[in-house]
């Protein structure tokens, strides 16, 4: 599965209250299934192996989204 990239433009029309420095054109990348699973694994802590319980730190997961 290939990663998809696309450009989006954020203007005052879409985000009227956004600061000027955050407006503009951005390139976004869609994660492949493997990248998403790796990010989930890195952000998760195994609590109970038999029952399959994990604790996922959402801050770590969101950081993975920004970094990748």
PDB file of N, CA and C in Angstrom:
ATOM      1  N   UNK A   1       0.846  -1.173   0.000  1.00  0.00           N
ATOM      2  CA  UNK A   1       0.000   0.000   0.000  1.00  0.00           C
ATOM      3  C   UNK A   1       0.893   1.239   0.000  1.00  0.00           C
ATOM      4  N   UNK A   2       0.651   2.143  -0.890  1.00  0.00           N
ATOM      5  CA  UNK A   2       1.451   3.349  -1.009  1.00  0.00           C
ATOM      6  C   UNK A   2       0.871   4.458  -0.140  1.00  0.00           C
ATOM      7  N   UNK A   3       1.751   5.315   0.348  1.00  0.00           N
ATOM      8  CA  UNK A   3       1.304   6.484   1.095  1.00  0.00           C
ATOM      9  C   UNK A   3       0.783   7.515   0.108  1.00  0.00           C
ATOM     10  N   UNK A   4      -0.262   8.204   0.498  1.00  0.00           N
ATOM     11  CA  UNK A   4      -0.817   9.245  -0.356  1.00  0.00           C
ATOM     12  C   UNK A   4      -0.513  10.598   0.256  1.00  0.00           C
ATOM     13  N   UNK A   5      -0.040  11.508  -0.581  1.00  0.00           N
ATOM     14  CA  UNK A   5       0.219  12.874  -0.139  1.00  0.00           C
ATOM     15  C   UNK A   5      -0.729  13.794  -0.891  1.00  0.00           C
ATOM     16  N   UNK A   6      -1.190  14.816  -0.199  1.00  0.00           N
ATOM     17  CA  UNK A   6      -2.007  15.816  -0.875  1.00  0.00           C
ATOM     18  C   UNK A   6      -1.788  17.169  -0.218  1.00  0.00           C
ATOM     19  N   UNK A   7      -2.034  18.201  -0.974  1.00  0.00           N
ATOM     20  CA  UNK A   7      -1.855  19.554  -0.468  1.00  0.00           C
ATOM     21  C   UNK A   7      -3.221  20.134  -0.131  1.00  0.00           C
ATOM     22  N   UNK A   8      -3.265  20.798   1.015  1.00  0.00           N
ATOM     23  CA  UNK A   8      -4.488  21.496   1.401  1.00  0.00           C
ATOM     24  C   UNK A   8      -4.126  22.936   1.727  1.00  0.00           C
ATOM     25  N   UNK A   9      -5.073  23.820   1.504  1.00  0.00           N
ATOM     26  CA  UNK A   9      -4.850  25.224   1.809  1.00  0.00           C
ATOM     27  C   UNK A   9      -5.850  25.667   2.865  1.00  0.00           C
ATOM     28  N   UNK A  10      -5.334  26.245   3.924  1.00  0.00           N
ATOM     29  CA  UNK A  10      -6.165  26.770   4.997  1.00  0.00           C
ATOM     30  C   UNK A  10      -6.207  28.285   4.831  1.00  0.00           C
ATOM     31  N   UNK A  11      -7.402  28.816   4.618  1.00  0.00           N
ATOM     32  CA  UNK A  11      -7.558  30.256   4.432  1.00  0.00           C
ATOM     33  C   UNK A  11      -8.433  30.831   5.543  1.00  0.00           C
ATOM     34  N   UNK A  12      -8.588  32.137   5.546  1.00  0.00           N
ATOM     35  CA  UNK A  12      -9.435  32.802   6.540  1.00  0.00           C
ATOM     36  C   UNK A  12     -10.878  32.332   6.433  1.00  0.00           C
ATOM     37  N   UNK A  13     -11.283  31.904   5.249  1.00  0.00           N
ATOM     38  CA  UNK A  13     -12.658  31.437   5.056  1.00  0.00           C
ATOM     39  C   UNK A  13     -12.918  30.156   5.850  1.00  0.00           C
ATOM     40  N   UNK A  14     -11.985  29.200   5.799  1.00  0.00           N
ATOM     41  CA  UNK A  14     -12.154  27.936   6.520  1.00  0.00           C
ATOM     42  C   UNK A  14     -11.869  28.081   8.013  1.00  0.00           C
ATOM     43  N   UNK A  15     -10.935  28.953   8.362  1.00  0.00           N
ATOM     44  CA  UNK A  15     -10.537  29.110   9.766  1.00  0.00           C
ATOM     45  C   UNK A  15     -10.483  30.599  10.115  1.00  0.00           C
ATOM     46  N   UNK A  16     -11.640  31.206  10.336  1.00  0.00           N
ATOM     47  CA  UNK A  16     -11.665  32.658  10.547  1.00  0.00           C
ATOM     48  C   UNK A  16     -10.934  33.137  11.807  1.00  0.00           C
ATOM     49  N   UNK A  17     -10.789  32.283  12.809  1.00  0.00           N
ATOM     50  CA  UNK A  17     -10.152  32.708  14.058  1.00  0.00           C
ATOM     51  C   UNK A  17      -8.713  32.217  14.196  1.00  0.00           C
ATOM     52  N   UNK A  18      -8.194  31.584  13.177  1.00  0.00           N
ATOM     53  CA  UNK A  18      -6.822  31.066  13.239  1.00  0.00           C
ATOM     54  C   UNK A  18      -5.818  32.210  13.123  1.00  0.00           C
ATOM     55  N   UNK A  19      -4.691  32.100  13.826  1.00  0.00           N
ATOM     56  CA  UNK A  19      -3.638  33.112  13.679  1.00  0.00           C
ATOM     57  C   UNK A  19      -3.098  33.122  12.245  1.00  0.00           C
ATOM     58  N   UNK A  20      -2.655  34.268  11.806  1.00  0.00           N
ATOM     59  CA  UNK A  20      -2.162  34.423  10.429  1.00  0.00           C
ATOM     60  C   UNK A  20      -1.020  33.462  10.110  1.00  0.00           C
ATOM     61  N   UNK A  21      -0.143  33.201  11.085  1.00  0.00           N
ATOM     62  CA  UNK A  21       1.008  32.334  10.813  1.00  0.00           C
ATOM     63  C   UNK A  21       0.605  30.881  10.574  1.00  0.00           C
ATOM     64  N   UNK A  22      -0.617  30.488  10.965  1.00  0.00           N
ATOM     65  CA  UNK A  22      -1.075  29.119  10.745  1.00  0.00           C
ATOM     66  C   UNK A  22      -1.846  28.961   9.436  1.00  0.00           C
ATOM     67  N   UNK A  23      -2.134  30.054   8.762  1.00  0.00           N
ATOM     68  CA  UNK A  23      -2.817  29.973   7.472  1.00  0.00           C
ATOM     69  C   UNK A  23      -1.787  29.678   6.392  1.00  0.00           C
ATOM     70  N   UNK A  24      -2.228  29.047   5.323  1.00  0.00           N
ATOM     71  CA  UNK A  24      -1.315  28.754   4.226  1.00  0.00           C
ATOM     72  C   UNK A  24      -1.536  27.366   3.666  1.00  0.00           C
ATOM     73  N   UNK A  25      -0.553  26.903   2.913  1.00  0.00           N
ATOM     74  CA  UNK A  25      -0.648  25.605   2.252  1.00  0.00           C
ATOM     75  C   UNK A  25       0.150  24.560   3.027  1.00  0.00           C
ATOM     76  N   UNK A  26      -0.467  23.399   3.220  1.00  0.00           N
ATOM     77  CA  UNK A  26       0.156  22.302   3.955  1.00  0.00           C
ATOM     78  C   UNK A  26       0.159  21.052   3.085  1.00  0.00           C
ATOM     79  N   UNK A  27       1.183  20.230   3.254  1.00  0.00           N
ATOM     80  CA  UNK A  27       1.223  18.924   2.608  1.00  0.00           C
ATOM     81  C   UNK A  27       0.932  17.888   3.679  1.00  0.00           C
ATOM     82  N   UNK A  28      -0.102  17.103   3.455  1.00  0.00           N
ATOM     83  CA  UNK A  28      -0.464  16.063   4.415  1.00  0.00           C
ATOM     84  C   UNK A  28      -0.210  14.704   3.791  1.00  0.00           C
ATOM     85  N   UNK A  29       0.103  13.734   4.639  1.00  0.00           N
ATOM     86  CA  UNK A  29       0.419  12.394   4.169  1.00  0.00           C
ATOM     87  C   UNK A  29      -0.486  11.402   4.879  1.00  0.00           C
ATOM     88  N   UNK A  30      -1.083  10.531   4.129  1.00  0.00           N
ATOM     89  CA  UNK A  30      -1.916   9.490   4.711  1.00  0.00           C
ATOM     90  C   UNK A  30      -1.019   8.328   5.110  1.00  0.00           C
ATOM     91  N   UNK A  31      -1.212   7.848   6.331  1.00  0.00           N
ATOM     92  CA  UNK A  31      -0.411   6.727   6.809  1.00  0.00           C
ATOM     93  C   UNK A  31      -0.789   5.439   6.115  1.00  0.00           C
ATOM     94  N   UNK A  32       0.191   4.584   5.928  1.00  0.00           N
ATOM     95  CA  UNK A  32      -0.111   3.225   5.496  1.00  0.00           C
ATOM     96  C   UNK A  32      -0.594   2.461   6.726  1.00  0.00           C
ATOM     97  N   UNK A  33      -1.195   1.312   6.516  1.00  0.00           N
ATOM     98  CA  UNK A  33      -1.680   0.497   7.626  1.00  0.00           C
ATOM     99  C   UNK A  33      -0.532   0.135   8.562  1.00  0.00           C
ATOM    100  N   UNK A  34       0.614  -0.198   7.986  1.00  0.00           N
ATOM    101  CA  UNK A  34       1.778  -0.590   8.791  1.00  0.00           C
ATOM    102  C   UNK A  34       2.275   0.562   9.657  1.00  0.00           C
ATOM    103  N   UNK A  35       2.353   1.767   9.095  1.00  0.00           N
ATOM    104  CA  UNK A  35       2.799   2.923   9.870  1.00  0.00           C
ATOM    105  C   UNK A  35       1.853   3.193  11.041  1.00  0.00           C
ATOM    106  N   UNK A  36       0.564   3.060  10.790  1.00  0.00           N
ATOM    107  CA  UNK A  36      -0.414   3.295  11.854  1.00  0.00           C
ATOM    108  C   UNK A  36      -0.266   2.255  12.962  1.00  0.00           C
ATOM    109  N   UNK A  37      -0.105   0.991  12.601  1.00  0.00           N
ATOM    110  CA  UNK A  37       0.044  -0.063  13.601  1.00  0.00           C
ATOM    111  C   UNK A  37       1.330   0.108  14.409  1.00  0.00           C
ATOM    112  N   UNK A  38       2.417   0.522  13.746  1.00  0.00           N
ATOM    113  CA  UNK A  38       3.672   0.757  14.463  1.00  0.00           C
ATOM    114  C   UNK A  38       3.526   1.895  15.463  1.00  0.00           C
ATOM    115  N   UNK A  39       2.831   2.964  15.078  1.00  0.00           N
ATOM    116  CA  UNK A  39       2.616   4.089  15.990  1.00  0.00           C
ATOM    117  C   UNK A  39       1.768   3.669  17.180  1.00  0.00           C
ATOM    118  N   UNK A  40       0.754   2.859  16.945  1.00  0.00           N
ATOM    119  CA  UNK A  40      -0.091   2.364  18.037  1.00  0.00           C
ATOM    120  C   UNK A  40       0.733   1.499  18.985  1.00  0.00           C
ATOM    121  N   UNK A  41       1.588   0.642  18.434  1.00  0.00           N
ATOM    122  CA  UNK A  41       2.421  -0.225  19.274  1.00  0.00           C
ATOM    123  C   UNK A  41       3.399   0.585  20.125  1.00  0.00           C
ATOM    124  N   UNK A  42       4.014   1.618  19.531  1.00  0.00           N
ATOM    125  CA  UNK A  42       4.973   2.430  20.282  1.00  0.00           C
ATOM    126  C   UNK A  42       4.290   3.247  21.378  1.00  0.00           C
ATOM    127  N   UNK A  43       3.032   3.642  21.169  1.00  0.00           N
ATOM    128  CA  UNK A  43       2.315   4.466  22.144  1.00  0.00           C
ATOM    129  C   UNK A  43       1.582   3.637  23.188  1.00  0.00           C
ATOM    130  N   UNK A  44       1.585   2.317  23.049  1.00  0.00           N
ATOM    131  CA  UNK A  44       0.812   1.451  23.943  1.00  0.00           C
ATOM    132  C   UNK A  44       1.695   0.750  24.967  1.00  0.00           C
ATOM    133  N   UNK A  45       1.080   0.468  26.119  1.00  0.00           N
ATOM    134  CA  UNK A  45       1.709  -0.320  27.175  1.00  0.00           C
ATOM    135  C   UNK A  45       0.830  -1.531  27.426  1.00  0.00           C
ATOM    136  N   UNK A  46       1.412  -2.717  27.382  1.00  0.00           N
ATOM    137  CA  UNK A  46       0.660  -3.953  27.586  1.00  0.00           C
ATOM    138  C   UNK A  46       0.319  -4.115  29.064  1.00  0.00           C
ATOM    139  N   UNK A  47      -0.981  -4.262  29.371  1.00  0.00           N
ATOM    140  CA  UNK A  47      -1.425  -4.442  30.754  1.00  0.00           C
ATOM    141  C   UNK A  47      -1.680  -5.907  31.083  1.00  0.00           C
ATOM    142  N   UNK A  48      -2.382  -6.609  30.197  1.00  0.00           N
ATOM    143  CA  UNK A  48      -2.698  -8.020  30.427  1.00  0.00           C
ATOM    144  C   UNK A  48      -2.586  -8.752  29.098  1.00  0.00           C
ATOM    145  N   UNK A  49      -1.563  -9.590  28.981  1.00  0.00           N
ATOM    146  CA  UNK A  49      -1.295 -10.281  27.717  1.00  0.00           C
ATOM    147  C   UNK A  49      -2.393 -11.278  27.369  1.00  0.00           C
ATOM    148  N   UNK A  50      -2.910 -12.002  28.375  1.00  0.00           N
ATOM    149  CA  UNK A  50      -3.931 -13.019  28.107  1.00  0.00           C
ATOM    150  C   UNK A  50      -5.238 -12.410  27.608  1.00  0.00           C
ATOM    151  N   UNK A  51      -5.652 -11.313  28.222  1.00  0.00           N
ATOM    152  CA  UNK A  51      -6.915 -10.676  27.838  1.00  0.00           C
ATOM    153  C   UNK A  51      -6.735  -9.666  26.706  1.00  0.00           C
ATOM    154  N   UNK A  52      -5.499  -9.295  26.435  1.00  0.00           N
ATOM    155  CA  UNK A  52      -5.230  -8.351  25.349  1.00  0.00           C
ATOM    156  C   UNK A  52      -5.488  -6.903  25.727  1.00  0.00           C
ATOM    157  N   UNK A  53      -5.366  -6.582  27.017  1.00  0.00           N
ATOM    158  CA  UNK A  53      -5.583  -5.211  27.466  1.00  0.00           C
ATOM    159  C   UNK A  53      -4.313  -4.398  27.288  1.00  0.00           C
ATOM    160  N   UNK A  54      -4.474  -3.226  26.688  1.00  0.00           N
ATOM    161  CA  UNK A  54      -3.358  -2.295  26.554  1.00  0.00           C
ATOM    162  C   UNK A  54      -3.818  -0.913  26.998  1.00  0.00           C
ATOM    163  N   UNK A  55      -2.857  -0.129  27.408  1.00  0.00           N
ATOM    164  CA  UNK A  55      -3.125   1.262  27.739  1.00  0.00           C
ATOM    165  C   UNK A  55      -2.407   2.091  26.690  1.00  0.00           C
ATOM    166  N   UNK A  56      -3.142   2.987  26.025  1.00  0.00           N
ATOM    167  CA  UNK A  56      -2.516   3.785  24.981  1.00  0.00           C
ATOM    168  C   UNK A  56      -2.438   5.233  25.431  1.00  0.00           C
ATOM    169  N   UNK A  57      -1.243   5.768  25.410  1.00  0.00           N
ATOM    170  CA  UNK A  57      -1.025   7.159  25.744  1.00  0.00           C
ATOM    171  C   UNK A  57      -1.344   7.985  24.503  1.00  0.00           C
ATOM    172  N   UNK A  58      -2.436   8.744  24.544  1.00  0.00           N
ATOM    173  CA  UNK A  58      -2.863   9.501  23.370  1.00  0.00           C
ATOM    174  C   UNK A  58      -1.883  10.598  22.995  1.00  0.00           C
ATOM    175  N   UNK A  59      -1.198  11.161  23.972  1.00  0.00           N
ATOM    176  CA  UNK A  59      -0.203  12.190  23.664  1.00  0.00           C
ATOM    177  C   UNK A  59       0.926  11.583  22.835  1.00  0.00           C
ATOM    178  N   UNK A  60       1.401  10.400  23.225  1.00  0.00           N
ATOM    179  CA  UNK A  60       2.450   9.732  22.451  1.00  0.00           C
ATOM    180  C   UNK A  60       1.969   9.410  21.045  1.00  0.00           C
ATOM    181  N   UNK A  61       0.717   8.964  20.912  1.00  0.00           N
ATOM    182  CA  UNK A  61       0.174   8.633  19.599  1.00  0.00           C
ATOM    183  C   UNK A  61       0.075   9.883  18.730  1.00  0.00           C
ATOM    184  N   UNK A  62      -0.368  10.997  19.315  1.00  0.00           N
ATOM    185  CA  UNK A  62      -0.467  12.237  18.548  1.00  0.00           C
ATOM    186  C   UNK A  62       0.909  12.756  18.154  1.00  0.00           C
ATOM    187  N   UNK A  63       1.905  12.572  19.023  1.00  0.00           N
ATOM    188  CA  UNK A  63       3.271  12.949  18.659  1.00  0.00           C
ATOM    189  C   UNK A  63       3.772  12.117  17.486  1.00  0.00           C
ATOM    190  N   UNK A  64       3.438  10.837  17.476  1.00  0.00           N
ATOM    191  CA  UNK A  64       3.805   9.972  16.347  1.00  0.00           C
ATOM    192  C   UNK A  64       3.189  10.514  15.057  1.00  0.00           C
ATOM    193  N   UNK A  65       1.954  10.991  15.127  1.00  0.00           N
ATOM    194  CA  UNK A  65       1.299  11.533  13.939  1.00  0.00           C
ATOM    195  C   UNK A  65       2.036  12.760  13.420  1.00  0.00           C
ATOM    196  N   UNK A  66       2.506  13.583  14.330  1.00  0.00           N
ATOM    197  CA  UNK A  66       3.210  14.798  13.919  1.00  0.00           C
ATOM    198  C   UNK A  66       4.582  14.463  13.349  1.00  0.00           C
ATOM    199  N   UNK A  67       5.296  13.557  13.997  1.00  0.00           N
ATOM    200  CA  UNK A  67       6.665  13.223  13.588  1.00  0.00           C
ATOM    201  C   UNK A  67       6.690  12.513  12.243  1.00  0.00           C
ATOM    202  N   UNK A  68       5.786  11.563  12.036  1.00  0.00           N
ATOM    203  CA  UNK A  68       5.751  10.799  10.784  1.00  0.00           C
ATOM    204  C   UNK A  68       5.096  11.656   9.760  1.00  0.00           C
TER     205      UNK A  68
END
